Amino acid sequence: MTEVIGCVLAGGLARRMGGGDKGLIRLGGRLVLDHLLDRLKPQVSQIILNANGEPARFEAYGLPVVPDSVEGFAGPLAGVLAGLEWARANTGAGWVATAATDTPFFPTDFVARMQAAIETEGADMACAASNGRRHPVFGLWPVRLADDLRHALVDDDIHKVDIWTARHKLVAVEFACDPHDPFFNVNRPEDVEEAERIAADIAA
């Protein structure tokens, strides 16, 4: 399998957190995004941030900030598309791994397990699953399907990840939730306290 680019999806509206960037919430003295990047960086050749609005808020990271290329906050598929199109224009990478910005306990073997599942199953793409549910925004996507995804978003008005992936062969990769769900996300103010508890358990 060819080079993999990491794309952190940070373009959400964060309504349940009162607006703003969920990745910039403090957790254990650092930002949630810092925790995620520590886990994602060793797995990919480079990382981009998919984020709308003023890119300067991420300036300290020194990473490319790529906005949605489809207008109107079209959801996570627009972020996947932004990652695929950026990778195609700027690299020779064949794949993009996406992760939500608010998941500080992201799996350290995510890309390797996604690659293995795609190769074993002869699939077009892979997404993560845990605790009996799929996490469609955590996926490994082929750059060759960038035009297909743009057509689905713009021409077919498809915005749900599951509807687009149903057009292709998708394999779901199950991750264990013991001792914690690696896809736990800081989505609401009350989630910060739980994230602090999990972080303390990991550090112990």
C-alpha atoms as a PDB file:
ATOM      1  CA  MET A   1       0.000   0.000   0.000  1.00  0.00           C
ATOM      2  CA  THR A   2       1.313   3.441  -0.902  1.00  0.00           C
ATOM      3  CA  GLU A   3       1.948   6.499   1.280  1.00  0.00           C
ATOM      4  CA  VAL A   4      -0.778   7.531   3.755  1.00  0.00           C
ATOM      5  CA  ILE A   5      -1.622  11.159   4.600  1.00  0.00           C
ATOM      6  CA  GLY A   6      -3.305  11.928   7.916  1.00  0.00           C
ATOM      7  CA  CYS A   7      -6.250  14.338   7.844  1.00  0.00           C
ATOM      8  CA  VAL A   8      -7.633  15.652  11.135  1.00  0.00           C
ATOM      9  CA  LEU A   9     -11.275  16.648  10.722  1.00  0.00           C
ATOM     10  CA  ALA A  10     -11.609  19.897  12.652  1.00  0.00           C
ATOM     11  CA  GLY A  11     -14.310  21.549  10.579  1.00  0.00           C
ATOM     12  CA  GLY A  12     -17.311  20.831  12.802  1.00  0.00           C
ATOM     13  CA  LEU A  13     -19.456  23.518  14.391  1.00  0.00           C
ATOM     14  CA  ALA A  14     -19.134  22.131  17.968  1.00  0.00           C
ATOM     15  CA  ARG A  15     -22.655  23.230  18.891  1.00  0.00           C
ATOM     16  CA  ARG A  16     -22.766  21.015  21.990  1.00  0.00           C
ATOM     17  CA  MET A  17     -19.592  22.677  23.288  1.00  0.00           C
ATOM     18  CA  GLY A  18     -21.048  26.136  22.761  1.00  0.00           C
ATOM     19  CA  GLY A  19     -19.137  26.679  19.520  1.00  0.00           C
ATOM     20  CA  GLY A  20     -15.412  26.850  18.917  1.00  0.00           C
ATOM     21  CA  ASP A  21     -12.861  24.109  18.288  1.00  0.00           C
ATOM     22  CA  LYS A  22     -13.213  20.929  20.329  1.00  0.00           C
ATOM     23  CA  GLY A  23      -9.592  20.059  19.609  1.00  0.00           C
ATOM     24  CA  LEU A  24      -8.473  23.207  21.456  1.00  0.00           C
ATOM     25  CA  ILE A  25     -10.058  22.145  24.760  1.00  0.00           C
ATOM     26  CA  ARG A  26      -7.507  21.579  27.522  1.00  0.00           C
ATOM     27  CA  LEU A  27      -7.038  18.032  28.794  1.00  0.00           C
ATOM     28  CA  GLY A  28      -4.384  17.096  31.302  1.00  0.00           C
ATOM     29  CA  GLY A  29      -2.535  20.369  30.829  1.00  0.00           C
ATOM     30  CA  ARG A  30      -2.451  20.008  27.040  1.00  0.00           C
ATOM     31  CA  LEU A  31      -4.931  20.448  24.219  1.00  0.00           C
ATOM     32  CA  VAL A  32      -7.075  17.554  23.003  1.00  0.00           C
ATOM     33  CA  LEU A  33      -5.561  18.059  19.540  1.00  0.00           C
ATOM     34  CA  ASP A  34      -2.053  17.617  20.991  1.00  0.00           C
ATOM     35  CA  HIS A  35      -3.007  14.198  22.339  1.00  0.00           C
ATOM     36  CA  LEU A  36      -4.468  13.150  18.989  1.00  0.00           C
ATOM     37  CA  LEU A  37      -1.471  14.344  16.973  1.00  0.00           C
ATOM     38  CA  ASP A  38       0.937  12.464  19.252  1.00  0.00           C
ATOM     39  CA  ARG A  39      -0.896   9.254  18.350  1.00  0.00           C
ATOM     40  CA  LEU A  40      -1.467   9.930  14.662  1.00  0.00           C
ATOM     41  CA  LYS A  41       1.930  11.330  13.603  1.00  0.00           C
ATOM     42  CA  PRO A  42       3.917   8.055  13.800  1.00  0.00           C
ATOM     43  CA  GLN A  43       1.319   6.333  11.602  1.00  0.00           C
ATOM     44  CA  VAL A  44       1.360   8.634   8.547  1.00  0.00           C
ATOM     45  CA  SER A  45       3.860  10.450   6.330  1.00  0.00           C
ATOM     46  CA  GLN A  46       2.387  13.893   7.022  1.00  0.00           C
ATOM     47  CA  ILE A  47      -0.694  15.497   8.555  1.00  0.00           C
ATOM     48  CA  ILE A  48      -3.099  18.173   7.402  1.00  0.00           C
ATOM     49  CA  LEU A  49      -5.890  19.862   9.353  1.00  0.00           C
ATOM     50  CA  ASN A  50      -9.272  20.135   7.684  1.00  0.00           C
ATOM     51  CA  ALA A  51     -10.747  23.260   9.250  1.00  0.00           C
ATOM     52  CA  ASN A  52     -12.974  26.110   8.148  1.00  0.00           C
ATOM     53  CA  GLY A  53     -12.739  29.697   9.337  1.00  0.00           C
ATOM     54  CA  GLU A  54      -9.568  31.528  10.329  1.00  0.00           C
ATOM     55  CA  PRO A  55      -6.581  29.168   9.896  1.00  0.00           C
ATOM     56  CA  ALA A  56      -4.352  31.285  12.147  1.00  0.00           C
ATOM     57  CA  ARG A  57      -5.797  29.598  15.243  1.00  0.00           C
ATOM     58  CA  PHE A  58      -3.782  26.500  14.306  1.00  0.00           C
ATOM     59  CA  GLU A  59      -0.637  28.395  13.311  1.00  0.00           C
ATOM     60  CA  ALA A  60       1.427  27.014  16.192  1.00  0.00           C
ATOM     61  CA  TYR A  61       1.170  23.504  14.745  1.00  0.00           C
ATOM     62  CA  GLY A  62       2.889  24.371  11.473  1.00  0.00           C
ATOM     63  CA  LEU A  63       0.545  22.058   9.560  1.00  0.00           C
ATOM     64  CA  PRO A  64      -1.339  22.764   6.324  1.00  0.00           C
ATOM     65  CA  VAL A  65      -4.874  23.950   7.125  1.00  0.00           C
ATOM     66  CA  VAL A  66      -7.227  22.853   4.355  1.00  0.00           C
ATOM     67  CA  PRO A  67     -10.827  24.152   4.318  1.00  0.00           C
ATOM     68  CA  ASP A  68     -13.775  22.315   2.829  1.00  0.00           C
ATOM     69  CA  SER A  69     -13.920  22.707  -0.936  1.00  0.00           C
ATOM     70  CA  VAL A  70     -17.701  22.220  -0.837  1.00  0.00           C
ATOM     71  CA  GLU A  71     -19.624  25.170   0.577  1.00  0.00           C
ATOM     72  CA  GLY A  72     -22.210  25.168   3.337  1.00  0.00           C
ATOM     73  CA  PHE A  73     -20.709  22.966   6.092  1.00  0.00           C
ATOM     74  CA  ALA A  74     -21.467  19.796   4.157  1.00  0.00           C
ATOM     75  CA  GLY A  75     -20.432  17.525   7.031  1.00  0.00           C
ATOM     76  CA  PRO A  76     -17.564  15.072   7.471  1.00  0.00           C
ATOM     77  CA  LEU A  77     -17.669  13.871   3.868  1.00  0.00           C
ATOM     78  CA  ALA A  78     -16.600  17.366   2.823  1.00  0.00           C
ATOM     79  CA  GLY A  79     -13.590  16.994   5.111  1.00  0.00           C
ATOM     80  CA  VAL A  80     -12.743  13.610   3.625  1.00  0.00           C
ATOM     81  CA  LEU A  81     -12.980  15.147   0.163  1.00  0.00           C
ATOM     82  CA  ALA A  82     -10.729  18.048   1.166  1.00  0.00           C
ATOM     83  CA  GLY A  83      -8.133  15.560   2.375  1.00  0.00           C
ATOM     84  CA  LEU A  84      -8.316  13.423  -0.774  1.00  0.00           C
ATOM     85  CA  GLU A  85      -8.065  16.396  -3.115  1.00  0.00           C
ATOM     86  CA  TRP A  86      -5.193  17.952  -1.156  1.00  0.00           C
ATOM     87  CA  ALA A  87      -3.279  14.660  -1.154  1.00  0.00           C
ATOM     88  CA  ARG A  88      -3.805  14.258  -4.898  1.00  0.00           C
ATOM     89  CA  ALA A  89      -2.630  17.813  -5.658  1.00  0.00           C
ATOM     90  CA  ASN A  90       0.334  17.941  -3.298  1.00  0.00           C
ATOM     91  CA  THR A  91       1.672  14.406  -2.807  1.00  0.00           C
ATOM     92  CA  GLY A  92       1.988  11.025  -4.428  1.00  0.00           C
ATOM     93  CA  ALA A  93       0.045   9.415  -1.594  1.00  0.00           C
ATOM     94  CA  GLY A  94      -2.577   6.845  -2.446  1.00  0.00           C
ATOM     95  CA  TRP A  95      -4.506   6.983   0.830  1.00  0.00           C
ATOM     96  CA  VAL A  96      -5.845   9.412   3.434  1.00  0.00           C
ATOM     97  CA  ALA A  97      -6.543   8.407   7.031  1.00  0.00           C
ATOM     98  CA  THR A  98      -9.107  10.618   8.758  1.00  0.00           C
ATOM     99  CA  ALA A  99      -9.655  11.201  12.464  1.00  0.00           C
ATOM    100  CA  ALA A 100     -11.925  13.549  14.383  1.00  0.00           C
ATOM    101  CA  THR A 101     -10.171  16.354  16.216  1.00  0.00           C
ATOM    102  CA  ASP A 102     -11.865  15.600  19.555  1.00  0.00           C
ATOM    103  CA  THR A 103     -10.549  12.040  20.150  1.00  0.00           C
ATOM    104  CA  PRO A 104      -7.526  12.199  22.464  1.00  0.00           C
ATOM    105  CA  PHE A 105      -7.234   8.400  22.872  1.00  0.00           C
ATOM    106  CA  PHE A 106      -7.020   7.581  19.161  1.00  0.00           C
ATOM    107  CA  PRO A 107      -5.614   4.065  18.455  1.00  0.00           C
ATOM    108  CA  THR A 108      -1.869   3.905  17.896  1.00  0.00           C
ATOM    109  CA  ASP A 109      -2.326   0.985  15.461  1.00  0.00           C
ATOM    110  CA  PHE A 110      -5.178   2.560  13.490  1.00  0.00           C
ATOM    111  CA  VAL A 111      -3.544   2.873  10.062  1.00  0.00           C
ATOM    112  CA  ALA A 112      -1.821  -0.512  10.195  1.00  0.00           C
ATOM    113  CA  ARG A 113      -5.043  -2.312  11.058  1.00  0.00           C
ATOM    114  CA  MET A 114      -7.005  -0.426   8.400  1.00  0.00           C
ATOM    115  CA  GLN A 115      -4.411  -1.286   5.750  1.00  0.00           C
ATOM    116  CA  ALA A 116      -4.382  -4.953   6.746  1.00  0.00           C
ATOM    117  CA  ALA A 117      -8.183  -5.205   6.619  1.00  0.00           C
ATOM    118  CA  ILE A 118      -8.402  -3.571   3.186  1.00  0.00           C
ATOM    119  CA  GLU A 119      -5.757  -5.892   1.793  1.00  0.00           C
ATOM    120  CA  THR A 120      -7.251  -9.017   3.385  1.00  0.00           C
ATOM    121  CA  GLU A 121     -10.814  -8.268   2.282  1.00  0.00           C
ATOM    122  CA  GLY A 122      -9.973  -6.716  -1.079  1.00  0.00           C
ATOM    123  CA  ALA A 123     -11.976  -3.680   0.044  1.00  0.00           C
ATOM    124  CA  ASP A 124     -11.989  -0.162  -1.379  1.00  0.00           C
ATOM    125  CA  MET A 125     -11.884   1.535   2.018  1.00  0.00           C
ATOM    126  CA  ALA A 126     -12.146   0.904   5.751  1.00  0.00           C
ATOM    127  CA  CYS A 127     -13.796   2.511   8.752  1.00  0.00           C
ATOM    128  CA  ALA A 128     -13.437   1.924  12.476  1.00  0.00           C
ATOM    129  CA  ALA A 129     -15.883   0.281  14.857  1.00  0.00           C
ATOM    130  CA  SER A 130     -15.999  -0.235  18.622  1.00  0.00           C
ATOM    131  CA  ASN A 131     -18.522  -1.329  21.208  1.00  0.00           C
ATOM    132  CA  GLY A 132     -20.935  -2.524  18.523  1.00  0.00           C
ATOM    133  CA  ARG A 133     -21.073   0.712  16.540  1.00  0.00           C
ATOM    134  CA  ARG A 134     -19.281   2.066  13.523  1.00  0.00           C
ATOM    135  CA  HIS A 135     -17.346   5.323  13.482  1.00  0.00           C
ATOM    136  CA  PRO A 136     -17.566   6.355   9.832  1.00  0.00           C
ATOM    137  CA  VAL A 137     -15.428   9.495  10.127  1.00  0.00           C
ATOM    138  CA  PHE A 138     -12.476   7.362  11.233  1.00  0.00           C
ATOM    139  CA  GLY A 139     -11.471   5.798   7.957  1.00  0.00           C
ATOM    140  CA  LEU A 140      -8.815   4.992   5.419  1.00  0.00           C
ATOM    141  CA  TRP A 141      -9.827   6.349   2.023  1.00  0.00           C
ATOM    142  CA  PRO A 142      -8.289   5.867  -1.450  1.00  0.00           C
ATOM    143  CA  VAL A 143      -7.246   9.049  -3.213  1.00  0.00           C
ATOM    144  CA  ARG A 144      -8.445   7.498  -6.499  1.00  0.00           C
ATOM    145  CA  LEU A 145     -12.058   8.009  -5.343  1.00  0.00           C
ATOM    146  CA  ALA A 146     -11.748  11.797  -4.898  1.00  0.00           C
ATOM    147  CA  ASP A 147     -13.753  12.564  -8.055  1.00  0.00           C
ATOM    148  CA  ASP A 148     -16.353   9.949  -7.157  1.00  0.00           C
ATOM    149  CA  LEU A 149     -16.844  11.565  -3.747  1.00  0.00           C
ATOM    150  CA  ARG A 150     -17.049  15.071  -5.224  1.00  0.00           C
ATOM    151  CA  HIS A 151     -19.742  13.871  -7.613  1.00  0.00           C
ATOM    152  CA  ALA A 152     -21.678  12.294  -4.717  1.00  0.00           C
ATOM    153  CA  LEU A 153     -21.513  15.484  -2.642  1.00  0.00           C
ATOM    154  CA  VAL A 154     -22.124  18.078  -5.335  1.00  0.00           C
ATOM    155  CA  ASP A 155     -24.272  16.313  -7.917  1.00  0.00           C
ATOM    156  CA  ASP A 156     -26.104  13.697  -5.847  1.00  0.00           C
ATOM    157  CA  ASP A 157     -26.378  15.817  -2.668  1.00  0.00           C
ATOM    158  CA  ILE A 158     -25.122  12.947  -0.496  1.00  0.00           C
ATOM    159  CA  HIS A 159     -23.900  14.097   2.900  1.00  0.00           C
ATOM    160  CA  LYS A 160     -24.081  10.973   5.052  1.00  0.00           C
ATOM    161  CA  VAL A 161     -20.890   8.940   5.086  1.00  0.00           C
ATOM    162  CA  ASP A 162     -22.758   5.625   5.188  1.00  0.00           C
ATOM    163  CA  ILE A 163     -24.703   6.391   2.014  1.00  0.00           C
ATOM    164  CA  TRP A 164     -21.556   7.102   0.013  1.00  0.00           C
ATOM    165  CA  THR A 165     -19.580   4.155   1.378  1.00  0.00           C
ATOM    166  CA  ALA A 166     -22.475   1.831   0.509  1.00  0.00           C
ATOM    167  CA  ARG A 167     -21.548   2.422  -3.146  1.00  0.00           C
ATOM    168  CA  HIS A 168     -18.164   0.792  -2.553  1.00  0.00           C
ATOM    169  CA  LYS A 169     -16.707  -2.189  -0.726  1.00  0.00           C
ATOM    170  CA  LEU A 170     -16.179  -1.071   2.851  1.00  0.00           C
ATOM    171  CA  VAL A 171     -14.645  -3.128   5.637  1.00  0.00           C
ATOM    172  CA  ALA A 172     -15.314  -2.210   9.282  1.00  0.00           C
ATOM    173  CA  VAL A 173     -12.405  -2.786  11.665  1.00  0.00           C
ATOM    174  CA  GLU A 174     -13.348  -3.507  15.292  1.00  0.00           C
ATOM    175  CA  PHE A 175     -11.228  -1.970  18.055  1.00  0.00           C
ATOM    176  CA  ALA A 176     -11.401  -3.182  21.664  1.00  0.00           C
ATOM    177  CA  CYS A 177     -12.936  -0.959  24.345  1.00  0.00           C
ATOM    178  CA  ASP A 178     -10.924  -2.401  27.224  1.00  0.00           C
ATOM    179  CA  PRO A 179      -9.874  -0.504  29.286  1.00  0.00           C
ATOM    180  CA  HIS A 180     -11.471   2.402  27.377  1.00  0.00           C
ATOM    181  CA  ASP A 181     -13.016   3.163  24.007  1.00  0.00           C
ATOM    182  CA  PRO A 182     -10.214   4.593  21.822  1.00  0.00           C
ATOM    183  CA  PHE A 183     -12.818   6.649  19.963  1.00  0.00           C
ATOM    184  CA  PHE A 184     -14.166   8.383  23.064  1.00  0.00           C
ATOM    185  CA  ASN A 185     -14.706  11.960  22.002  1.00  0.00           C
ATOM    186  CA  VAL A 186     -14.858  15.196  23.947  1.00  0.00           C
ATOM    187  CA  ASN A 187     -18.188  16.242  22.491  1.00  0.00           C
ATOM    188  CA  ARG A 188     -19.916  17.902  25.441  1.00  0.00           C
ATOM    189  CA  PRO A 189     -18.678  19.885  28.461  1.00  0.00           C
ATOM    190  CA  GLU A 190     -19.331  16.907  30.758  1.00  0.00           C
ATOM    191  CA  ASP A 191     -17.079  14.721  28.588  1.00  0.00           C
ATOM    192  CA  VAL A 192     -14.008  16.656  29.708  1.00  0.00           C
ATOM    193  CA  GLU A 193     -14.207  15.194  33.230  1.00  0.00           C
ATOM    194  CA  GLU A 194     -14.482  11.654  31.855  1.00  0.00           C
ATOM    195  CA  ALA A 195     -11.570  12.281  29.512  1.00  0.00           C
ATOM    196  CA  GLU A 196      -9.466  13.489  32.448  1.00  0.00           C
ATOM    197  CA  ARG A 197     -10.256  10.217  34.272  1.00  0.00           C
ATOM    198  CA  ILE A 198      -9.257   8.087  31.267  1.00  0.00           C
ATOM    199  CA  ALA A 199      -6.076  10.093  30.758  1.00  0.00           C
ATOM    200  CA  ALA A 200      -5.165   9.557  34.432  1.00  0.00           C
ATOM    201  CA  ASP A 201      -5.735   5.801  34.063  1.00  0.00           C
ATOM    202  CA  ILE A 202      -3.488   5.682  30.988  1.00  0.00           C
ATOM    203  CA  ALA A 203      -0.750   7.621  32.760  1.00  0.00           C
ATOM    204  CA  ALA A 204      -0.911   5.425  35.884  1.00  0.00           C
END
